[in-house]
Amino acid sequence: MRLHPDVVSTDTDDGTVLLNGRTGRYWQLNATGAHVLRGLLDGDSPDDIAAGVATRHRIDPSRAERDVTTVIDQLRTAGLVIA
């Protein structure tokens, strides 16, 4: 997965900001959302990302899977990432 060509990202102290240069809209990801995005851009599988989130935040793996899937779906729906 990669960022859409019209999208640029900037890391912040609290996560990541994504700007769609075509639409002028921006999105702010918290630290966990930024972690998910970085993992996707690095080629990690959603399952591996979810396992890391579950370990890092000491949450149930099934909850982490749902949360990671939600972030991925939102990034795709907003047109910020492409396969």
C-alpha atoms as a PDB file:
ATOM      1  CA  MET A   1       0.000   0.000   0.000  1.00  0.00           C
ATOM      2  CA  ARG A   2       1.173   3.542  -0.686  1.00  0.00           C
ATOM      3  CA  LEU A   3      -0.019   7.098  -0.319  1.00  0.00           C
ATOM      4  CA  HIS A   4      -2.103   8.463  -3.160  1.00  0.00           C
ATOM      5  CA  PRO A   5       0.164  10.612  -5.374  1.00  0.00           C
ATOM      6  CA  ASP A   6      -1.758  13.765  -4.389  1.00  0.00           C
ATOM      7  CA  VAL A   7      -1.237  13.117  -0.662  1.00  0.00           C
ATOM      8  CA  VAL A   8       1.687  14.266   1.456  1.00  0.00           C
ATOM      9  CA  SER A   9       2.288  13.334   5.065  1.00  0.00           C
ATOM     10  CA  THR A  10       4.059  15.057   7.912  1.00  0.00           C
ATOM     11  CA  ASP A  11       4.852  13.495  11.242  1.00  0.00           C
ATOM     12  CA  THR A  12       3.968  15.542  14.309  1.00  0.00           C
ATOM     13  CA  ASP A  13       4.589  15.072  18.025  1.00  0.00           C
ATOM     14  CA  ASP A  14       1.107  13.556  18.327  1.00  0.00           C
ATOM     15  CA  GLY A  15       0.885  11.467  15.137  1.00  0.00           C
ATOM     16  CA  THR A  16       0.725  12.321  11.445  1.00  0.00           C
ATOM     17  CA  VAL A  17      -1.048  14.891   9.304  1.00  0.00           C
ATOM     18  CA  LEU A  18      -2.051  13.975   5.754  1.00  0.00           C
ATOM     19  CA  LEU A  19      -2.843  16.635   3.157  1.00  0.00           C
ATOM     20  CA  ASN A  20      -4.605  15.888  -0.104  1.00  0.00           C
ATOM     21  CA  GLY A  21      -3.126  18.500  -2.447  1.00  0.00           C
ATOM     22  CA  ARG A  22      -5.890  18.001  -4.991  1.00  0.00           C
ATOM     23  CA  THR A  23      -8.779  18.681  -2.615  1.00  0.00           C
ATOM     24  CA  GLY A  24      -7.049  20.786   0.030  1.00  0.00           C
ATOM     25  CA  ARG A  25      -8.478  18.560   2.775  1.00  0.00           C
ATOM     26  CA  TYR A  26      -6.315  17.289   5.572  1.00  0.00           C
ATOM     27  CA  TRP A  27      -6.576  14.516   8.128  1.00  0.00           C
ATOM     28  CA  GLN A  28      -4.843  14.141  11.444  1.00  0.00           C
ATOM     29  CA  LEU A  29      -3.953  10.675  12.701  1.00  0.00           C
ATOM     30  CA  ASN A  30      -3.191  10.066  16.351  1.00  0.00           C
ATOM     31  CA  ALA A  31      -0.080   8.082  17.286  1.00  0.00           C
ATOM     32  CA  THR A  32      -1.810   4.730  16.795  1.00  0.00           C
ATOM     33  CA  GLY A  33      -3.254   5.728  13.421  1.00  0.00           C
ATOM     34  CA  ALA A  34       0.199   6.953  12.382  1.00  0.00           C
ATOM     35  CA  HIS A  35       1.668   3.608  13.466  1.00  0.00           C
ATOM     36  CA  VAL A  36      -0.881   1.790  11.299  1.00  0.00           C
ATOM     37  CA  LEU A  37      -0.125   4.015   8.309  1.00  0.00           C
ATOM     38  CA  ARG A  38       3.656   3.621   8.682  1.00  0.00           C
ATOM     39  CA  GLY A  39       3.250  -0.137   8.881  1.00  0.00           C
ATOM     40  CA  LEU A  40       1.168  -0.209   5.718  1.00  0.00           C
ATOM     41  CA  LEU A  41       3.636   1.991   3.862  1.00  0.00           C
ATOM     42  CA  ASP A  42       6.474  -0.273   5.022  1.00  0.00           C
ATOM     43  CA  GLY A  43       4.670  -3.294   3.576  1.00  0.00           C
ATOM     44  CA  ASP A  44       3.548  -4.849   6.862  1.00  0.00           C
ATOM     45  CA  SER A  45       0.375  -6.915   6.778  1.00  0.00           C
ATOM     46  CA  PRO A  46      -2.698  -5.689   8.638  1.00  0.00           C
ATOM     47  CA  ASP A  47      -2.425  -8.781  10.876  1.00  0.00           C
ATOM     48  CA  ASP A  48       1.165  -7.934  11.825  1.00  0.00           C
ATOM     49  CA  ILE A  49       0.220  -4.308  12.492  1.00  0.00           C
ATOM     50  CA  ALA A  50      -2.712  -5.407  14.664  1.00  0.00           C
ATOM     51  CA  ALA A  51      -0.476  -7.773  16.638  1.00  0.00           C
ATOM     52  CA  GLY A  52       1.907  -4.892  17.319  1.00  0.00           C
ATOM     53  CA  VAL A  53      -0.940  -2.610  18.379  1.00  0.00           C
ATOM     54  CA  ALA A  54      -2.321  -5.284  20.717  1.00  0.00           C
ATOM     55  CA  THR A  55       1.065  -5.756  22.341  1.00  0.00           C
ATOM     56  CA  ARG A  56       1.911  -2.057  22.550  1.00  0.00           C
ATOM     57  CA  HIS A  57      -1.431  -1.058  24.083  1.00  0.00           C
ATOM     58  CA  ARG A  58      -2.088  -4.301  25.986  1.00  0.00           C
ATOM     59  CA  ILE A  59      -5.474  -4.809  24.390  1.00  0.00           C
ATOM     60  CA  ASP A  60      -7.308  -7.865  23.127  1.00  0.00           C
ATOM     61  CA  PRO A  61      -5.943  -8.912  19.708  1.00  0.00           C
ATOM     62  CA  SER A  62      -9.444  -9.051  18.207  1.00  0.00           C
ATOM     63  CA  ARG A  63     -10.054  -5.441  19.232  1.00  0.00           C
ATOM     64  CA  ALA A  64      -6.721  -4.425  17.711  1.00  0.00           C
ATOM     65  CA  GLU A  65      -7.679  -6.186  14.460  1.00  0.00           C
ATOM     66  CA  ARG A  66     -10.996  -4.309  14.333  1.00  0.00           C
ATOM     67  CA  ASP A  67      -9.302  -0.993  15.083  1.00  0.00           C
ATOM     68  CA  VAL A  68      -6.613  -1.505  12.433  1.00  0.00           C
ATOM     69  CA  THR A  69      -9.235  -2.551   9.880  1.00  0.00           C
ATOM     70  CA  THR A  70     -11.241   0.586  10.681  1.00  0.00           C
ATOM     71  CA  VAL A  71      -8.213   2.836  10.147  1.00  0.00           C
ATOM     72  CA  ILE A  72      -7.377   1.120   6.842  1.00  0.00           C
ATOM     73  CA  ASP A  73     -10.976   1.401   5.635  1.00  0.00           C
ATOM     74  CA  GLN A  74     -11.069   5.101   6.521  1.00  0.00           C
ATOM     75  CA  LEU A  75      -7.761   5.784   4.747  1.00  0.00           C
ATOM     76  CA  ARG A  76      -9.024   3.987   1.628  1.00  0.00           C
ATOM     77  CA  THR A  77     -12.463   5.628   1.693  1.00  0.00           C
ATOM     78  CA  ALA A  78     -10.873   9.073   1.993  1.00  0.00           C
ATOM     79  CA  GLY A  79      -8.648   8.256  -1.013  1.00  0.00           C
ATOM     80  CA  LEU A  80      -5.467   8.751   0.989  1.00  0.00           C
ATOM     81  CA  VAL A  81      -3.918   5.376   0.200  1.00  0.00           C
ATOM     82  CA  ILE A  82      -3.968   3.043  -2.764  1.00  0.00           C
ATOM     83  CA  ALA A  83      -2.972  -0.599  -3.145  1.00  0.00           C
END
